[in-house]
Amino acid sequence: MNTRPKKRSLTLRGHRTSVSLEDDFWSAFREIADIKGTPINALAAQIDEDRGADCGLASAIRLFVLEHYRKKP
């Protein structure tokens, strides 16, 4: 497992941004987007809208991935 986060580029509502995520979280995030049939940028924008002001986007994505896999049977 690569424990060092890497910068990943996203486009949220027409604006470029980046998040620092570990390879495993990024892969899981992409997998979830594929399962949902949602473009990764659209899923990131949804997470961005839903997160609280006290939570960064990278952390919100990690929590989203964690929640997804916790709900799996």
Protein backbone atom coordinates (compact mmCIF):
# COMPACT_ATOMS: atom_id res chain seq x y z
CA MET A 1 0.00 0.00 0.00
CA ASN A 2 1.31 3.42 -0.95
CA THR A 3 0.81 5.56 2.14
CA ARG A 4 1.91 8.86 0.61
CA PRO A 5 -0.91 10.92 -0.88
CA LYS A 6 -0.58 12.08 -4.48
CA LYS A 7 -2.18 15.17 -5.97
CA ARG A 8 -5.12 14.30 -8.22
CA SER A 9 -6.82 16.79 -10.53
CA LEU A 10 -10.59 17.21 -10.61
CA THR A 11 -12.99 19.63 -12.22
CA LEU A 12 -15.84 20.75 -9.96
CA ARG A 13 -18.58 22.77 -11.63
CA GLY A 14 -16.17 24.04 -14.28
CA HIS A 15 -13.31 24.86 -11.88
CA ARG A 16 -10.08 22.87 -11.69
CA THR A 17 -8.97 21.76 -8.26
CA SER A 18 -6.78 19.06 -6.80
CA VAL A 19 -6.97 16.69 -3.88
CA SER A 20 -4.22 14.69 -2.26
CA LEU A 21 -5.27 11.05 -1.95
CA GLU A 22 -3.44 7.79 -1.45
CA ASP A 23 -3.50 5.36 -4.41
CA ASP A 24 -5.87 2.97 -2.62
CA PHE A 25 -8.42 5.69 -1.84
CA TRP A 26 -8.20 7.06 -5.39
CA SER A 27 -8.70 3.59 -6.88
CA ALA A 28 -11.65 2.91 -4.59
CA PHE A 29 -13.18 6.30 -5.41
CA ARG A 30 -12.88 5.60 -9.16
CA GLU A 31 -14.38 2.13 -8.64
CA ILE A 32 -17.37 3.58 -6.79
CA ALA A 33 -17.91 6.14 -9.55
CA ASP A 34 -17.87 3.31 -12.11
CA ILE A 35 -20.33 1.23 -10.07
CA LYS A 36 -22.68 4.21 -9.80
CA GLY A 37 -22.23 5.04 -13.49
CA THR A 38 -21.29 8.58 -12.49
CA PRO A 39 -18.32 10.52 -13.85
CA ILE A 40 -15.70 10.96 -11.14
CA ASN A 41 -15.87 14.76 -11.40
CA ALA A 42 -19.65 14.70 -10.89
CA LEU A 43 -19.30 12.43 -7.87
CA ALA A 44 -16.58 14.68 -6.42
CA ALA A 45 -18.83 17.72 -6.98
CA GLN A 46 -21.66 15.98 -5.13
CA ILE A 47 -19.36 15.14 -2.21
CA ASP A 48 -18.08 18.72 -2.24
CA GLU A 49 -21.63 20.09 -1.98
CA ASP A 50 -22.53 17.70 0.85
CA ARG A 51 -19.43 18.19 3.00
CA GLY A 52 -19.36 20.52 5.95
CA ALA A 53 -17.23 23.64 6.08
CA ASP A 54 -14.95 21.98 8.65
CA CYS A 55 -14.06 19.06 6.34
CA GLY A 56 -11.65 19.30 3.41
CA LEU A 57 -12.52 17.71 0.09
CA ALA A 58 -9.86 14.98 0.31
CA SER A 59 -11.09 14.01 3.78
CA ALA A 60 -14.69 14.05 2.57
CA ILE A 61 -13.77 11.70 -0.28
CA ARG A 62 -11.97 9.34 2.12
CA LEU A 63 -15.02 9.30 4.41
CA PHE A 64 -17.31 8.69 1.41
CA VAL A 65 -15.18 5.70 0.34
CA LEU A 66 -15.10 4.36 3.89
CA GLU A 67 -18.88 4.68 4.24
CA HIS A 68 -19.43 2.95 0.89
CA TYR A 69 -17.40 -0.08 1.91
CA ARG A 70 -18.85 -0.22 5.42
CA LYS A 71 -22.33 -0.57 3.89
CA LYS A 72 -21.29 -3.48 1.65
CA PRO A 73 -22.57 -6.86 2.83
